[in-house]
Amino acid sequence: MSNIVNRVTGKTPKFFKLLRTLGVALAAASGALLAAPIELPEAVNTLAGYVAVAGSVMGAVSQTAVLNEEE
């Protein structure tokens, strides 16, 4: 468990910071589509659900990448 905490709080490489930001943006945009007060086609709702999951996973996995400065 402490290894996971160390990875999440450790220094993240620049590329994974970009991926994390992109994942959070995708999740937020799809969440806005899902919560829209207007009726959207079912295909849009389905796609927004998939994008929300993909963005969340992308953000979580990117957060656990750590910079290896030992080399």
PDB file of N, CA and C in Angstrom:
ATOM      1  N   MET A   1       0.827  -1.197   0.000  1.00  0.00           N
ATOM      2  CA  MET A   1       0.000   0.000   0.000  1.00  0.00           C
ATOM      3  C   MET A   1       0.867   1.254   0.000  1.00  0.00           C
ATOM      4  N   SER A   2       1.981   1.216   0.729  1.00  0.00           N
ATOM      5  CA  SER A   2       2.837   2.400   0.779  1.00  0.00           C
ATOM      6  C   SER A   2       3.501   2.652  -0.573  1.00  0.00           C
ATOM      7  N   ASN A   3       3.699   1.587  -1.390  1.00  0.00           N
ATOM      8  CA  ASN A   3       4.266   1.761  -2.716  1.00  0.00           C
ATOM      9  C   ASN A   3       3.323   2.574  -3.601  1.00  0.00           C
ATOM     10  N   ILE A   4       2.031   2.329  -3.487  1.00  0.00           N
ATOM     11  CA  ILE A   4       1.050   3.085  -4.269  1.00  0.00           C
ATOM     12  C   ILE A   4       1.046   4.544  -3.832  1.00  0.00           C
ATOM     13  N   VAL A   5       1.091   4.784  -2.545  1.00  0.00           N
ATOM     14  CA  VAL A   5       1.113   6.158  -2.029  1.00  0.00           C
ATOM     15  C   VAL A   5       2.374   6.878  -2.496  1.00  0.00           C
ATOM     16  N   ASN A   6       3.502   6.188  -2.474  1.00  0.00           N
ATOM     17  CA  ASN A   6       4.758   6.786  -2.943  1.00  0.00           C
ATOM     18  C   ASN A   6       4.692   7.120  -4.423  1.00  0.00           C
ATOM     19  N   ARG A   7       4.063   6.248  -5.225  1.00  0.00           N
ATOM     20  CA  ARG A   7       3.960   6.502  -6.664  1.00  0.00           C
ATOM     21  C   ARG A   7       3.039   7.685  -6.949  1.00  0.00           C
ATOM     22  N   VAL A   8       1.933   7.766  -6.236  1.00  0.00           N
ATOM     23  CA  VAL A   8       0.981   8.851  -6.483  1.00  0.00           C
ATOM     24  C   VAL A   8       1.563  10.198  -6.048  1.00  0.00           C
ATOM     25  N   THR A   9       2.310  10.202  -4.963  1.00  0.00           N
ATOM     26  CA  THR A   9       2.864  11.463  -4.471  1.00  0.00           C
ATOM     27  C   THR A   9       4.231  11.783  -5.054  1.00  0.00           C
ATOM     28  N   GLY A  10       4.806  10.857  -5.834  1.00  0.00           N
ATOM     29  CA  GLY A  10       6.126  11.072  -6.416  1.00  0.00           C
ATOM     30  C   GLY A  10       6.091  12.044  -7.587  1.00  0.00           C
ATOM     31  N   LYS A  11       7.265  12.358  -8.092  1.00  0.00           N
ATOM     32  CA  LYS A  11       7.404  13.281  -9.201  1.00  0.00           C
ATOM     33  C   LYS A  11       6.967  12.593 -10.504  1.00  0.00           C
ATOM     34  N   THR A  12       6.076  13.246 -11.262  1.00  0.00           N
ATOM     35  CA  THR A  12       5.528  12.704 -12.492  1.00  0.00           C
ATOM     36  C   THR A  12       6.271  13.282 -13.693  1.00  0.00           C
ATOM     37  N   PRO A  13       6.630  12.445 -14.684  1.00  0.00           N
ATOM     38  CA  PRO A  13       7.290  12.958 -15.888  1.00  0.00           C
ATOM     39  C   PRO A  13       6.366  13.901 -16.669  1.00  0.00           C
ATOM     40  N   LYS A  14       6.972  14.772 -17.455  1.00  0.00           N
ATOM     41  CA  LYS A  14       6.223  15.799 -18.183  1.00  0.00           C
ATOM     42  C   LYS A  14       5.178  15.192 -19.127  1.00  0.00           C
ATOM     43  N   PHE A  15       5.541  14.127 -19.844  1.00  0.00           N
ATOM     44  CA  PHE A  15       4.611  13.493 -20.779  1.00  0.00           C
ATOM     45  C   PHE A  15       3.369  12.980 -20.062  1.00  0.00           C
ATOM     46  N   PHE A  16       3.553  12.370 -18.901  1.00  0.00           N
ATOM     47  CA  PHE A  16       2.416  11.837 -18.169  1.00  0.00           C
ATOM     48  C   PHE A  16       1.588  12.936 -17.513  1.00  0.00           C
ATOM     49  N   LYS A  17       2.198  14.074 -17.221  1.00  0.00           N
ATOM     50  CA  LYS A  17       1.422  15.223 -16.748  1.00  0.00           C
ATOM     51  C   LYS A  17       0.478  15.694 -17.847  1.00  0.00           C
ATOM     52  N   LEU A  18       0.983  15.707 -19.091  1.00  0.00           N
ATOM     53  CA  LEU A  18       0.155  16.086 -20.229  1.00  0.00           C
ATOM     54  C   LEU A  18      -0.985  15.089 -20.420  1.00  0.00           C
ATOM     55  N   LEU A  19      -0.677  13.800 -20.337  1.00  0.00           N
ATOM     56  CA  LEU A  19      -1.719  12.780 -20.461  1.00  0.00           C
ATOM     57  C   LEU A  19      -2.753  12.882 -19.342  1.00  0.00           C
ATOM     58  N   ARG A  20      -2.288  13.170 -18.136  1.00  0.00           N
ATOM     59  CA  ARG A  20      -3.208  13.316 -17.004  1.00  0.00           C
ATOM     60  C   ARG A  20      -4.162  14.478 -17.225  1.00  0.00           C
ATOM     61  N   THR A  21      -3.626  15.598 -17.694  1.00  0.00           N
ATOM     62  CA  THR A  21      -4.452  16.764 -17.963  1.00  0.00           C
ATOM     63  C   THR A  21      -5.460  16.474 -19.079  1.00  0.00           C
ATOM     64  N   LEU A  22      -5.011  15.792 -20.122  1.00  0.00           N
ATOM     65  CA  LEU A  22      -5.904  15.423 -21.214  1.00  0.00           C
ATOM     66  C   LEU A  22      -7.003  14.484 -20.730  1.00  0.00           C
ATOM     67  N   GLY A  23      -6.649  13.530 -19.886  1.00  0.00           N
ATOM     68  CA  GLY A  23      -7.649  12.608 -19.350  1.00  0.00           C
ATOM     69  C   GLY A  23      -8.690  13.303 -18.498  1.00  0.00           C
ATOM     70  N   VAL A  24      -8.258  14.234 -17.673  1.00  0.00           N
ATOM     71  CA  VAL A  24      -9.204  14.978 -16.837  1.00  0.00           C
ATOM     72  C   VAL A  24     -10.113  15.845 -17.711  1.00  0.00           C
ATOM     73  N   ALA A  25      -9.549  16.447 -18.751  1.00  0.00           N
ATOM     74  CA  ALA A  25     -10.354  17.278 -19.661  1.00  0.00           C
ATOM     75  C   ALA A  25     -11.389  16.433 -20.399  1.00  0.00           C
ATOM     76  N   LEU A  26     -10.994  15.253 -20.856  1.00  0.00           N
ATOM     77  CA  LEU A  26     -11.946  14.367 -21.528  1.00  0.00           C
ATOM     78  C   LEU A  26     -13.064  13.932 -20.588  1.00  0.00           C
ATOM     79  N   ALA A  27     -12.711  13.596 -19.368  1.00  0.00           N
ATOM     80  CA  ALA A  27     -13.723  13.180 -18.395  1.00  0.00           C
ATOM     81  C   ALA A  27     -14.679  14.325 -18.075  1.00  0.00           C
ATOM     82  N   ALA A  28     -14.149  15.537 -17.960  1.00  0.00           N
ATOM     83  CA  ALA A  28     -15.000  16.687 -17.660  1.00  0.00           C
ATOM     84  C   ALA A  28     -15.930  17.012 -18.827  1.00  0.00           C
ATOM     85  N   ALA A  29     -15.408  16.969 -20.051  1.00  0.00           N
ATOM     86  CA  ALA A  29     -16.240  17.267 -21.217  1.00  0.00           C
ATOM     87  C   ALA A  29     -17.349  16.232 -21.387  1.00  0.00           C
ATOM     88  N   SER A  30     -17.018  14.967 -21.194  1.00  0.00           N
ATOM     89  CA  SER A  30     -18.043  13.942 -21.336  1.00  0.00           C
ATOM     90  C   SER A  30     -19.053  14.011 -20.191  1.00  0.00           C
ATOM     91  N   GLY A  31     -18.591  14.388 -19.013  1.00  0.00           N
ATOM     92  CA  GLY A  31     -19.526  14.580 -17.900  1.00  0.00           C
ATOM     93  C   GLY A  31     -20.498  15.711 -18.174  1.00  0.00           C
ATOM     94  N   ALA A  32     -20.016  16.767 -18.826  1.00  0.00           N
ATOM     95  CA  ALA A  32     -20.904  17.875 -19.193  1.00  0.00           C
ATOM     96  C   ALA A  32     -21.936  17.419 -20.221  1.00  0.00           C
ATOM     97  N   LEU A  33     -21.524  16.586 -21.154  1.00  0.00           N
ATOM     98  CA  LEU A  33     -22.479  16.063 -22.140  1.00  0.00           C
ATOM     99  C   LEU A  33     -23.518  15.166 -21.478  1.00  0.00           C
ATOM    100  N   LEU A  34     -23.083  14.343 -20.551  1.00  0.00           N
ATOM    101  CA  LEU A  34     -24.025  13.447 -19.878  1.00  0.00           C
ATOM    102  C   LEU A  34     -25.010  14.203 -18.997  1.00  0.00           C
ATOM    103  N   ALA A  35     -24.584  15.328 -18.454  1.00  0.00           N
ATOM    104  CA  ALA A  35     -25.446  16.099 -17.557  1.00  0.00           C
ATOM    105  C   ALA A  35     -26.198  17.214 -18.279  1.00  0.00           C
ATOM    106  N   ALA A  36     -26.120  17.249 -19.602  1.00  0.00           N
ATOM    107  CA  ALA A  36     -26.775  18.315 -20.370  1.00  0.00           C
ATOM    108  C   ALA A  36     -28.285  18.267 -20.151  1.00  0.00           C
ATOM    109  N   PRO A  37     -28.904  19.448 -19.997  1.00  0.00           N
ATOM    110  CA  PRO A  37     -30.341  19.481 -19.744  1.00  0.00           C
ATOM    111  C   PRO A  37     -31.187  19.237 -21.000  1.00  0.00           C
ATOM    112  N   ILE A  38     -30.546  19.084 -22.144  1.00  0.00           N
ATOM    113  CA  ILE A  38     -31.297  18.834 -23.375  1.00  0.00           C
ATOM    114  C   ILE A  38     -31.192  17.358 -23.736  1.00  0.00           C
ATOM    115  N   GLU A  39     -32.125  16.897 -24.548  1.00  0.00           N
ATOM    116  CA  GLU A  39     -32.127  15.502 -24.979  1.00  0.00           C
ATOM    117  C   GLU A  39     -31.125  15.315 -26.108  1.00  0.00           C
ATOM    118  N   LEU A  40     -30.156  14.454 -25.878  1.00  0.00           N
ATOM    119  CA  LEU A  40     -29.146  14.149 -26.888  1.00  0.00           C
ATOM    120  C   LEU A  40     -29.397  12.751 -27.444  1.00  0.00           C
ATOM    121  N   PRO A  41     -28.929  12.496 -28.660  1.00  0.00           N
ATOM    122  CA  PRO A  41     -29.099  11.144 -29.207  1.00  0.00           C
ATOM    123  C   PRO A  41     -28.425  10.087 -28.326  1.00  0.00           C
ATOM    124  N   GLU A  42     -28.960   8.892 -28.372  1.00  0.00           N
ATOM    125  CA  GLU A  42     -28.437   7.810 -27.536  1.00  0.00           C
ATOM    126  C   GLU A  42     -26.977   7.505 -27.864  1.00  0.00           C
ATOM    127  N   ALA A  43     -26.596   7.647 -29.130  1.00  0.00           N
ATOM    128  CA  ALA A  43     -25.203   7.382 -29.523  1.00  0.00           C
ATOM    129  C   ALA A  43     -24.257   8.377 -28.848  1.00  0.00           C
ATOM    130  N   VAL A  44     -24.667   9.617 -28.711  1.00  0.00           N
ATOM    131  CA  VAL A  44     -23.839  10.635 -28.058  1.00  0.00           C
ATOM    132  C   VAL A  44     -23.689  10.310 -26.578  1.00  0.00           C
ATOM    133  N   ASN A  45     -24.771   9.898 -25.947  1.00  0.00           N
ATOM    134  CA  ASN A  45     -24.711   9.534 -24.526  1.00  0.00           C
ATOM    135  C   ASN A  45     -23.823   8.317 -24.300  1.00  0.00           C
ATOM    136  N   THR A  46     -23.925   7.336 -25.179  1.00  0.00           N
ATOM    137  CA  THR A  46     -23.093   6.140 -25.052  1.00  0.00           C
ATOM    138  C   THR A  46     -21.625   6.491 -25.236  1.00  0.00           C
ATOM    139  N   LEU A  47     -21.317   7.261 -26.268  1.00  0.00           N
ATOM    140  CA  LEU A  47     -19.934   7.667 -26.520  1.00  0.00           C
ATOM    141  C   LEU A  47     -19.390   8.505 -25.364  1.00  0.00           C
ATOM    142  N   ALA A  48     -20.202   9.403 -24.819  1.00  0.00           N
ATOM    143  CA  ALA A  48     -19.758  10.225 -23.694  1.00  0.00           C
ATOM    144  C   ALA A  48     -19.452   9.361 -22.471  1.00  0.00           C
ATOM    145  N   GLY A  49     -20.203   8.306 -22.274  1.00  0.00           N
ATOM    146  CA  GLY A  49     -19.928   7.389 -21.162  1.00  0.00           C
ATOM    147  C   GLY A  49     -18.594   6.677 -21.333  1.00  0.00           C
ATOM    148  N   TYR A  50     -18.329   6.213 -22.546  1.00  0.00           N
ATOM    149  CA  TYR A  50     -17.050   5.553 -22.818  1.00  0.00           C
ATOM    150  C   TYR A  50     -15.883   6.523 -22.670  1.00  0.00           C
ATOM    151  N   VAL A  51     -16.052   7.747 -23.151  1.00  0.00           N
ATOM    152  CA  VAL A  51     -14.979   8.742 -23.055  1.00  0.00           C
ATOM    153  C   VAL A  51     -14.735   9.109 -21.592  1.00  0.00           C
ATOM    154  N   ALA A  52     -15.787   9.154 -20.786  1.00  0.00           N
ATOM    155  CA  ALA A  52     -15.625   9.453 -19.363  1.00  0.00           C
ATOM    156  C   ALA A  52     -14.791   8.381 -18.672  1.00  0.00           C
ATOM    157  N   VAL A  53     -15.066   7.132 -18.976  1.00  0.00           N
ATOM    158  CA  VAL A  53     -14.302   6.040 -18.376  1.00  0.00           C
ATOM    159  C   VAL A  53     -12.854   6.081 -18.862  1.00  0.00           C
ATOM    160  N   ALA A  54     -12.667   6.265 -20.168  1.00  0.00           N
ATOM    161  CA  ALA A  54     -11.307   6.299 -20.726  1.00  0.00           C
ATOM    162  C   ALA A  54     -10.508   7.471 -20.155  1.00  0.00           C
ATOM    163  N   GLY A  55     -11.131   8.634 -20.023  1.00  0.00           N
ATOM    164  CA  GLY A  55     -10.439   9.791 -19.456  1.00  0.00           C
ATOM    165  C   GLY A  55     -10.079   9.589 -18.001  1.00  0.00           C
ATOM    166  N   SER A  56     -10.966   8.976 -17.252  1.00  0.00           N
ATOM    167  CA  SER A  56     -10.685   8.713 -15.840  1.00  0.00           C
ATOM    168  C   SER A  56      -9.537   7.728 -15.672  1.00  0.00           C
ATOM    169  N   VAL A  57      -9.539   6.672 -16.473  1.00  0.00           N
ATOM    170  CA  VAL A  57      -8.458   5.686 -16.401  1.00  0.00           C
ATOM    171  C   VAL A  57      -7.143   6.322 -16.840  1.00  0.00           C
ATOM    172  N   MET A  58      -7.192   7.126 -17.906  1.00  0.00           N
ATOM    173  CA  MET A  58      -5.973   7.789 -18.387  1.00  0.00           C
ATOM    174  C   MET A  58      -5.386   8.687 -17.304  1.00  0.00           C
ATOM    175  N   GLY A  59      -6.232   9.433 -16.629  1.00  0.00           N
ATOM    176  CA  GLY A  59      -5.756  10.311 -15.559  1.00  0.00           C
ATOM    177  C   GLY A  59      -5.182   9.546 -14.383  1.00  0.00           C
ATOM    178  N   ALA A  60      -5.836   8.465 -14.006  1.00  0.00           N
ATOM    179  CA  ALA A  60      -5.364   7.685 -12.854  1.00  0.00           C
ATOM    180  C   ALA A  60      -4.051   6.974 -13.154  1.00  0.00           C
ATOM    181  N   VAL A  61      -3.941   6.369 -14.323  1.00  0.00           N
ATOM    182  CA  VAL A  61      -2.711   5.659 -14.672  1.00  0.00           C
ATOM    183  C   VAL A  61      -1.557   6.647 -14.839  1.00  0.00           C
ATOM    184  N   SER A  62      -1.829   7.792 -15.431  1.00  0.00           N
ATOM    185  CA  SER A  62      -0.775   8.788 -15.630  1.00  0.00           C
ATOM    186  C   SER A  62      -0.267   9.338 -14.307  1.00  0.00           C
ATOM    187  N   GLN A  63      -1.134   9.409 -13.320  1.00  0.00           N
ATOM    188  CA  GLN A  63      -0.724   9.926 -12.014  1.00  0.00           C
ATOM    189  C   GLN A  63       0.244   8.981 -11.316  1.00  0.00           C
ATOM    190  N   THR A  64       0.162   7.690 -11.606  1.00  0.00           N
ATOM    191  CA  THR A  64       1.019   6.740 -10.915  1.00  0.00           C
ATOM    192  C   THR A  64       2.372   6.550 -11.594  1.00  0.00           C
ATOM    193  N   ALA A  65       2.608   7.181 -12.737  1.00  0.00           N
ATOM    194  CA  ALA A  65       3.930   7.102 -13.371  1.00  0.00           C
ATOM    195  C   ALA A  65       4.891   7.998 -12.592  1.00  0.00           C
ATOM    196  N   VAL A  66       6.063   7.479 -12.308  1.00  0.00           N
ATOM    197  CA  VAL A  66       7.044   8.242 -11.539  1.00  0.00           C
ATOM    198  C   VAL A  66       8.314   8.439 -12.351  1.00  0.00           C
ATOM    199  N   LEU A  67       8.986   9.513 -12.060  1.00  0.00           N
ATOM    200  CA  LEU A  67      10.239   9.849 -12.717  1.00  0.00           C
ATOM    201  C   LEU A  67      11.366   9.059 -12.060  1.00  0.00           C
ATOM    202  N   ASN A  68      12.121   8.326 -12.860  1.00  0.00           N
ATOM    203  CA  ASN A  68      13.230   7.520 -12.342  1.00  0.00           C
ATOM    204  C   ASN A  68      14.503   8.338 -12.485  1.00  0.00           C
ATOM    205  N   GLU A  69      14.947   8.960 -11.407  1.00  0.00           N
ATOM    206  CA  GLU A  69      16.112   9.815 -11.432  1.00  0.00           C
ATOM    207  C   GLU A  69      17.394   9.094 -11.017  1.00  0.00           C
ATOM    208  N   GLU A  70      17.320   7.782 -10.802  1.00  0.00           N
ATOM    209  CA  GLU A  70      18.474   7.017 -10.341  1.00  0.00           C
ATOM    210  C   GLU A  70      19.485   6.766 -11.446  1.00  0.00           C
ATOM    211  N   GLU A  71      19.088   6.846 -12.693  1.00  0.00           N
ATOM    212  CA  GLU A  71      19.993   6.538 -13.803  1.00  0.00           C
ATOM    213  C   GLU A  71      20.979   7.632 -14.065  1.00  0.00           C
TER     214      GLU A  71
END
